Protein backbone atom coordinates (compact mmCIF):
# COMPACT_ATOMS: atom_id res chain seq x y z
CA MET A 1 -147.61 5.66 15.96
CA GLY A 2 -144.19 5.31 14.35
CA PHE A 3 -142.86 5.18 10.83
CA ALA A 4 -144.56 3.03 8.23
CA ASN A 5 -142.57 0.70 6.00
CA ASN A 6 -140.40 2.95 3.81
CA SER A 7 -138.35 0.13 2.30
CA THR A 8 -139.89 0.29 -1.19
CA LEU A 9 -137.85 2.54 -3.47
CA PHE A 10 -140.28 3.03 -6.36
CA THR A 11 -143.60 4.66 -5.46
CA SER A 12 -144.57 6.87 -8.41
CA GLY A 13 -143.06 8.01 -11.68
CA ASN A 14 -142.07 6.44 -14.98
CA ARG A 15 -139.77 3.46 -14.49
CA VAL A 16 -137.59 2.55 -17.47
CA ASP A 17 -135.89 -0.85 -17.25
CA VAL A 18 -132.94 -0.87 -19.64
CA ASP A 19 -132.62 -3.98 -21.80
CA ASN A 20 -129.65 -6.24 -21.11
CA ASN A 21 -129.20 -6.76 -24.84
CA GLY A 22 -125.62 -5.56 -25.31
CA THR A 23 -126.67 -3.21 -28.11
CA ASN A 24 -126.49 0.58 -28.34
CA ASP A 25 -130.04 1.89 -27.86
CA SER A 26 -131.67 5.32 -27.56
CA TYR A 27 -134.41 6.00 -25.01
CA ASP A 28 -136.69 9.04 -25.33
CA LEU A 29 -137.76 9.80 -21.74
CA ALA A 30 -141.12 11.37 -20.94
CA GLU A 31 -140.65 15.14 -20.57
CA GLY A 32 -141.55 16.59 -17.18
CA ARG A 33 -141.96 13.15 -15.56
CA ALA A 34 -140.08 11.38 -12.81
CA ASN A 35 -138.09 9.08 -15.10
CA GLN A 36 -136.31 6.28 -13.26
CA ILE A 37 -133.69 4.63 -15.47
CA VAL A 38 -132.90 1.21 -14.03
CA ILE A 39 -129.63 -0.28 -15.27
CA GLY A 40 -129.39 -4.07 -15.01
CA ALA A 41 -126.37 -6.00 -13.81
CA ASN A 42 -125.58 -7.44 -17.23
CA ASN A 43 -124.29 -5.83 -20.42
CA THR A 44 -126.80 -3.15 -21.45
CA GLY A 45 -124.67 -1.61 -24.19
CA ASN A 46 -123.73 2.02 -24.79
CA ASP A 47 -127.14 3.66 -24.46
CA VAL A 48 -128.40 7.24 -24.85
CA PHE A 49 -131.17 8.73 -22.68
CA LEU A 50 -132.83 11.87 -24.02
CA ASN A 51 -134.74 14.39 -21.86
CA PHE A 52 -132.89 13.46 -18.65
CA GLY A 53 -133.81 16.39 -16.38
CA SER A 54 -134.27 17.48 -12.78
CA ARG A 55 -136.93 14.81 -12.15
CA SER A 56 -134.91 11.95 -13.62
CA THR A 57 -132.75 9.39 -11.84
CA LEU A 58 -130.12 6.91 -12.98
CA ILE A 59 -130.36 3.77 -10.85
CA SER A 60 -127.53 1.27 -11.11
CA HIS A 61 -127.12 -2.23 -9.63
CA THR A 62 -123.52 -1.28 -8.84
CA LYS A 63 -122.26 1.79 -6.99
CA LEU A 64 -120.69 4.19 -9.49
CA PHE A 65 -119.42 6.87 -7.09
CA GLU A 66 -120.27 8.72 -3.88
CA GLY A 67 -120.91 12.43 -3.49
CA PHE A 68 -120.79 14.43 -6.73
CA GLU A 69 -119.20 13.72 -10.09
CA THR A 70 -118.86 15.98 -13.13
CA PHE A 71 -118.72 14.50 -16.61
CA GLY A 72 -117.29 15.70 -19.91
CA SER A 73 -119.10 17.52 -22.68
CA ASN A 74 -120.62 14.28 -23.96
CA ILE A 75 -121.94 13.47 -20.44
CA THR A 76 -121.28 9.75 -20.75
CA ILE A 77 -121.16 7.65 -17.57
CA ASP A 78 -119.12 4.47 -17.45
CA LEU A 79 -121.48 1.89 -15.92
CA ASP A 80 -118.80 -0.74 -15.41
CA ARG A 81 -115.92 1.08 -13.77
CA ASP A 82 -113.67 -1.94 -13.57
CA ASN A 83 -113.36 -1.88 -17.35
CA GLU A 84 -112.95 0.62 -20.16
CA ILE A 85 -116.18 1.66 -21.91
CA SER A 86 -114.70 0.98 -25.31
CA SER A 87 -113.87 -2.63 -24.46
CA HIS A 88 -116.78 -3.57 -22.21
CA GLY A 89 -119.65 -1.71 -23.88
CA LYS A 90 -121.72 -0.50 -20.92
CA SER A 91 -122.35 3.23 -20.59
CA ALA A 92 -125.14 5.80 -20.32
CA ALA A 93 -125.10 9.12 -22.20
CA LEU A 94 -127.27 11.95 -20.82
CA PRO A 95 -126.91 14.69 -23.47
CA ASP A 96 -129.71 16.85 -22.01
CA LEU A 97 -128.27 17.04 -18.48
CA ALA A 98 -127.41 20.75 -18.50
CA SER A 99 -125.30 20.68 -15.32
CA SER A 100 -123.10 17.77 -16.55
CA GLU A 101 -123.03 16.64 -12.92
CA LEU A 102 -124.77 13.91 -10.93
CA ARG A 103 -125.08 13.40 -7.18
CA PHE A 104 -125.40 10.19 -5.18
CA LEU A 105 -128.65 9.60 -3.28
CA GLY A 106 -127.73 6.31 -1.66
CA SER A 107 -129.63 3.03 -1.63
CA LYS A 108 -132.19 1.21 0.49
CA THR A 109 -130.84 -1.21 3.11
CA GLY A 110 -130.19 -4.58 1.49
CA ASP A 111 -131.12 -3.25 -1.95
CA ASP A 112 -128.57 -3.25 -4.77
CA MET A 113 -130.06 -0.19 -6.44
CA PHE A 114 -127.86 2.90 -6.20
CA VAL A 115 -129.57 6.18 -7.05
CA TYR A 116 -128.08 9.19 -8.92
CA ALA A 117 -129.79 12.47 -9.83
CA ASP A 118 -129.08 15.95 -11.21
CA ALA A 119 -126.62 17.74 -8.92
CA ALA A 120 -127.97 21.17 -9.88
CA THR A 121 -131.08 20.60 -7.76
CA VAL A 122 -129.03 20.76 -4.56
CA ARG A 123 -126.33 23.15 -5.86
CA GLN A 124 -128.94 25.84 -6.55
CA LEU A 125 -130.10 25.79 -2.94
CA SER A 126 -126.60 26.80 -1.85
CA THR A 127 -127.10 30.02 -3.82
CA MET A 128 -130.62 30.62 -2.48
CA PHE A 129 -129.55 29.99 1.13
CA SER A 130 -125.94 31.12 1.19
CA SER A 131 -125.69 31.27 5.00
CA ALA A 132 -127.31 27.89 5.71
CA LYS A 133 -125.99 24.35 5.63
CA ILE A 134 -127.69 22.31 2.90
CA VAL A 135 -128.59 18.71 3.74
CA ASP A 136 -129.64 16.45 0.87
CA SER A 137 -131.83 13.59 2.11
CA LYS A 138 -130.93 10.19 0.66
CA VAL A 139 -133.28 7.25 0.00
CA SER A 140 -132.28 5.49 3.23
CA ASN A 141 -133.54 6.19 6.76
CA GLU A 142 -131.49 9.02 8.28
CA LYS A 143 -131.22 11.06 11.47
CA PHE A 144 -130.25 14.74 11.48
CA ASN A 145 -129.57 17.26 14.25
CA ALA A 146 -130.30 20.93 13.52
CA ALA A 147 -129.32 22.21 16.97
CA LYS A 148 -126.39 24.34 15.82
CA GLY A 149 -126.74 26.81 12.95
CA SER A 150 -129.30 27.23 10.18
CA TYR A 151 -130.16 24.24 8.03
CA VAL A 152 -132.00 23.61 4.79
CA PHE A 153 -133.15 20.02 4.40
CA LEU A 154 -133.84 19.03 0.80
CA PHE A 155 -136.23 16.18 0.03
CA ASP A 156 -136.19 15.71 -3.74
CA THR A 157 -139.70 14.26 -3.81
CA ALA A 158 -140.33 15.00 -7.51
CA LEU A 159 -138.06 12.04 -8.32
CA GLY A 160 -140.97 9.72 -7.51
CA LEU A 161 -138.92 7.70 -5.00
CA ASN A 162 -139.42 6.94 -1.32
CA LEU A 163 -136.76 8.92 0.55
CA GLY A 164 -137.01 6.85 3.72
CA GLY A 165 -138.15 7.60 7.23
CA ASP A 166 -136.01 10.48 8.52
CA THR A 167 -135.82 12.26 11.87
CA ILE A 168 -134.78 15.90 12.21
CA SER A 169 -134.12 16.88 15.83
CA HIS A 170 -134.12 20.51 17.03
CA PHE A 171 -135.72 21.88 13.85
CA GLY A 172 -135.93 25.61 14.64
CA ALA A 173 -137.47 28.82 13.33
CA ASP A 174 -134.40 29.54 11.18
CA ASP A 175 -134.41 26.09 9.56
CA ARG A 176 -136.19 25.17 6.33
CA LEU A 177 -137.55 21.96 4.85
CA VAL A 178 -137.62 22.02 1.05
CA THR A 179 -139.42 19.58 -1.23
CA THR A 180 -139.58 19.47 -5.03
CA SER A 181 -143.27 18.53 -5.13
CA GLU A 182 -145.90 20.18 -2.97
CA ILE A 183 -146.80 18.48 0.30
CA TYR A 184 -150.44 17.41 0.39
CA ASN A 185 -152.43 19.51 2.87
CA SER A 186 -155.78 18.15 4.00
CA GLN A 187 -156.32 20.99 6.47
CA ASP A 188 -158.09 23.36 4.08
CA ALA A 189 -159.89 25.04 6.96
CA ASP A 190 -156.69 26.21 8.63
CA PRO A 191 -156.70 30.02 8.23
CA LEU A 192 -152.90 30.14 8.00
CA ASP A 193 -152.61 27.10 5.69
CA ARG A 194 -150.68 25.21 8.32
CA ILE A 195 -149.84 21.66 7.30
CA ASN A 196 -150.82 19.65 10.36
CA PHE A 197 -149.37 16.20 10.85
CA GLY A 198 -151.76 13.24 10.85
CA LYS A 199 -152.45 10.61 13.48
CA ASN A 200 -148.99 9.18 12.95
CA LYS A 201 -147.42 12.50 14.12
CA LEU A 202 -145.21 12.47 11.03
CA LEU A 203 -144.84 14.64 7.96
CA ASP A 204 -145.93 12.45 5.05
CA LEU A 205 -144.13 13.52 1.88
CA SER A 206 -145.76 13.49 -1.53
CA GLY A 207 -144.06 11.77 -4.44
CA GLU A 208 -144.03 12.96 -8.02
CA LEU A 209 -147.53 14.38 -7.47
CA PRO A 210 -149.27 15.49 -4.22
CA SER A 211 -150.65 12.45 -2.40
CA SER A 212 -152.62 11.95 0.80
CA VAL A 213 -151.09 8.55 1.61
CA GLY A 214 -149.64 8.58 5.11
CA ASP A 215 -151.70 7.48 8.09
CA VAL A 216 -152.48 4.21 6.29
CA GLY A 217 -148.92 3.67 5.06
CA ALA A 218 -145.74 5.35 3.95
CA GLY A 219 -145.98 8.59 2.03
CA HIS A 220 -144.99 8.33 -1.63
CA GLY A 221 -141.93 10.48 -0.93
CA GLY A 222 -141.15 9.06 2.50
CA GLN A 223 -141.81 10.38 6.00
CA VAL A 224 -140.17 12.89 8.35
CA SER A 225 -140.32 13.08 12.13
CA LEU A 226 -139.86 16.59 13.55
CA PRO A 227 -139.93 16.21 17.36
CA GLY A 228 -141.54 19.23 19.02
CA ILE A 229 -143.02 20.52 15.75
CA GLY A 230 -146.76 20.10 15.17
CA GLY A 231 -146.95 21.40 11.62
CA LEU A 232 -145.29 23.40 8.86
CA TYR A 233 -146.12 26.45 6.74
CA LEU A 234 -145.43 26.95 3.05
CA LEU A 235 -143.30 30.11 3.02
CA ALA A 236 -142.26 30.42 -0.63
CA THR A 237 -141.85 28.66 -3.96
CA GLU A 238 -138.94 28.92 -6.38
CA ILE A 239 -137.95 27.43 -9.74
CA GLY A 240 -134.33 26.56 -10.43
CA SER A 241 -132.51 26.99 -13.72
CA ASN A 242 -132.70 23.21 -14.28
CA GLY A 243 -136.49 23.31 -13.92
CA ALA A 244 -136.62 21.99 -10.36
CA GLU A 245 -139.55 23.37 -8.38
CA TYR A 246 -138.86 24.20 -4.74
CA TYR A 247 -141.50 24.32 -2.01
CA ILE A 248 -139.99 25.96 1.04
CA TYR A 249 -141.48 25.20 4.47
CA GLY A 250 -140.83 26.50 7.96
CA SER A 251 -142.18 25.99 11.48
CA SER A 252 -143.50 29.57 11.68
CA PRO A 253 -145.72 31.45 9.20
CA HIS A 254 -143.38 34.42 9.53
CA VAL A 255 -140.14 34.37 7.54
CA SER A 256 -137.18 35.00 9.86
């Protein structure tokens, strides 16, 4: 059994569709939720979004940038980069984004929704795993090869988005898979708390909250194929300075 349909971006969380009214509005986002700010293609105005945190995403109908981008002290993002903010009136201010930096998480194939999230969530892993290569899974379907070196694969599942159907080849004992919401484990009887894969032979990722969806469809956070690996173990949990919760998994119950 192969991947389910992972083409739907929104699976859980609090979606906020910004009004195309051309006025300057303030949005008070739900604290501690996966807030998905969806910016329309028309003139939305110069808007302010309070409580933008590690679980929040800014989703634009146009690509703003790739990789990482740091903003000034006012953390205001120009949403129409062909024009000046002052003359075109389309921007988003994120005053509560402590890192002042966003990262690009891609888009679904054929979907004009480009996803951006707090860069600190992935930056902090570089400190926790200084000798490993950090891989940040995007919302599209991706293929990774962990044959050479130690890897940490981040799936930012607390964003409440489907992160696609990914394949990680040669996932070894020194590699880690990290999620930001706990993976649902139906195997309560397993004495070592091993997370066994279902009938689909895939790791079904939870979304904003743990979910058992998988064998009957795509997991809320997407799906991962780990050829040669039959299950994973929860090795540790950490909390980042931006509030991101990390659930760290490995193929062996023993930390190497």
